[in-house]
């Protein structure tokens, strides 16, 4: 795993969290912001400052990728893509990660399941 959170998120999402001006529009339009422990604009800020605790937050799992945040961002940041990148980082570091080399009976498993697992769980 890379040391720089913003760099890792940028590599996965192709979005630059440094562009965020913390206006809060993403939070204002988020239908689940009231349930999040960290609001969308705070999530982006935490990525910017390299606060890795955001990767383990509950907030990243509340995002339903409705894209309201991304549509309202005055800097055209795809906030939902940043949150999805954080989910992926979380899954990649999970102790439940799938190592395909250890899966028995690969021939009977659906190929798409193997592809999906390898994309989500390999670093």
Protein backbone atom coordinates (compact mmCIF):
# COMPACT_ATOMS: atom_id res chain seq x y z
CA UNK A 1 0.00 0.00 0.00
CA UNK A 2 1.27 3.47 -0.85
CA UNK A 3 2.08 5.83 2.00
CA UNK A 4 0.39 8.87 0.48
CA UNK A 5 -3.37 8.46 0.74
CA UNK A 6 -4.14 11.25 -1.74
CA UNK A 7 -1.76 9.71 -4.26
CA UNK A 8 -3.36 6.28 -3.90
CA UNK A 9 -6.89 7.69 -4.21
CA UNK A 10 -5.81 9.71 -7.26
CA UNK A 11 -4.35 6.59 -8.89
CA UNK A 12 -7.56 4.61 -8.38
CA UNK A 13 -10.23 7.26 -8.96
CA UNK A 14 -8.41 9.53 -11.42
CA UNK A 15 -9.75 12.42 -9.32
CA UNK A 16 -7.64 15.08 -7.63
CA UNK A 17 -8.80 15.74 -4.05
CA UNK A 18 -6.48 18.77 -3.96
CA UNK A 19 -8.99 20.64 -6.13
CA UNK A 20 -11.58 20.63 -3.33
CA UNK A 21 -12.37 24.04 -1.83
CA UNK A 22 -14.45 22.57 1.04
CA UNK A 23 -17.60 24.42 -0.01
CA UNK A 24 -19.78 21.62 1.39
CA UNK A 25 -22.13 21.35 -1.58
CA UNK A 26 -21.48 17.62 -1.79
CA UNK A 27 -22.59 17.23 1.81
CA UNK A 28 -25.61 19.48 1.32
CA UNK A 29 -27.03 17.29 -1.48
CA UNK A 30 -26.05 13.90 -0.07
CA UNK A 31 -29.19 11.93 0.88
CA UNK A 32 -27.25 9.98 3.52
CA UNK A 33 -25.03 12.71 4.99
CA UNK A 34 -27.10 12.78 8.18
CA UNK A 35 -26.20 9.13 8.80
CA UNK A 36 -22.49 9.47 8.05
CA UNK A 37 -19.89 9.71 10.80
CA UNK A 38 -17.80 11.81 8.39
CA UNK A 39 -19.51 14.06 5.83
CA UNK A 40 -18.57 13.90 2.12
CA UNK A 41 -16.61 17.18 2.10
CA UNK A 42 -14.78 16.03 5.24
CA UNK A 43 -13.95 12.73 3.55
CA UNK A 44 -12.28 14.59 0.68
CA UNK A 45 -10.44 16.82 3.16
CA UNK A 46 -9.19 13.81 5.11
CA UNK A 47 -7.85 12.32 1.89
CA UNK A 48 -6.10 15.62 1.13
CA UNK A 49 -4.35 15.73 4.49
CA UNK A 50 -3.49 12.03 4.41
CA UNK A 51 -5.67 10.95 7.33
CA UNK A 52 -5.83 7.18 6.84
CA UNK A 53 -8.61 6.81 9.45
CA UNK A 54 -11.08 7.74 6.69
CA UNK A 55 -10.40 4.35 5.07
CA UNK A 56 -11.93 2.65 8.12
CA UNK A 57 -14.85 5.04 8.52
CA UNK A 58 -18.46 3.94 8.28
CA UNK A 59 -19.22 6.89 6.00
CA UNK A 60 -17.61 5.36 2.92
CA UNK A 61 -20.13 2.49 3.09
CA UNK A 62 -23.16 4.81 3.32
CA UNK A 63 -22.48 6.32 -0.10
CA UNK A 64 -24.94 4.87 -2.62
CA UNK A 65 -23.16 6.41 -5.62
CA UNK A 66 -26.19 8.51 -6.56
CA UNK A 67 -23.68 11.06 -7.95
CA UNK A 68 -25.52 14.08 -6.53
CA UNK A 69 -22.27 15.18 -4.90
CA UNK A 70 -20.32 14.88 -8.12
CA UNK A 71 -22.96 16.75 -10.12
CA UNK A 72 -23.05 19.69 -7.68
CA UNK A 73 -19.31 20.09 -7.19
CA UNK A 74 -18.21 23.52 -8.50
CA UNK A 75 -14.70 22.10 -9.09
CA UNK A 76 -16.07 19.10 -11.07
CA UNK A 77 -14.64 16.56 -8.62
CA UNK A 78 -16.25 13.14 -8.77
CA UNK A 79 -16.64 12.77 -5.01
CA UNK A 80 -18.39 9.42 -5.43
CA UNK A 81 -15.32 8.08 -7.28
CA UNK A 82 -13.10 9.19 -4.40
CA UNK A 83 -15.35 7.38 -1.93
CA UNK A 84 -15.35 4.26 -4.12
CA UNK A 85 -11.55 4.42 -4.17
CA UNK A 86 -11.55 4.50 -0.36
CA UNK A 87 -13.80 1.44 -0.30
CA UNK A 88 -11.42 -0.35 -2.62
CA UNK A 89 -8.42 0.57 -0.45
CA UNK A 90 -10.32 -0.73 2.57
CA UNK A 91 -11.13 -4.02 0.83
CA UNK A 92 -7.57 -4.46 -0.40
CA UNK A 93 -6.20 -4.23 3.13
CA UNK A 94 -8.88 -6.51 4.55
CA UNK A 95 -7.89 -9.67 6.34
CA UNK A 96 -10.63 -11.38 4.34
CA UNK A 97 -8.83 -10.72 1.06
CA UNK A 98 -8.99 -13.48 -1.49
CA UNK A 99 -5.69 -14.92 -2.67
CA UNK A 100 -6.65 -16.71 -5.86
CA UNK A 101 -3.57 -18.90 -5.63
CA UNK A 102 -5.11 -20.57 -2.58
CA UNK A 103 -8.57 -21.19 -4.07
CA UNK A 104 -9.24 -24.86 -4.66
CA UNK A 105 -11.40 -26.11 -7.53
CA UNK A 106 -10.93 -23.01 -9.70
CA UNK A 107 -12.49 -24.84 -12.64
CA UNK A 108 -15.95 -24.97 -11.06
CA UNK A 109 -16.12 -21.31 -10.03
CA UNK A 110 -17.68 -18.73 -12.38
CA UNK A 111 -14.95 -16.80 -14.19
CA UNK A 112 -16.62 -13.46 -13.49
CA UNK A 113 -16.51 -14.17 -9.73
CA UNK A 114 -12.77 -14.78 -9.94
CA UNK A 115 -12.19 -11.64 -11.99
CA UNK A 116 -14.28 -9.54 -9.59
CA UNK A 117 -12.50 -10.95 -6.55
CA UNK A 118 -9.08 -10.38 -8.01
CA UNK A 119 -9.87 -6.79 -9.01
CA UNK A 120 -11.23 -5.91 -5.57
CA UNK A 121 -8.72 -7.76 -3.43
CA UNK A 122 -5.35 -7.44 -5.09
CA UNK A 123 -3.11 -4.51 -4.38
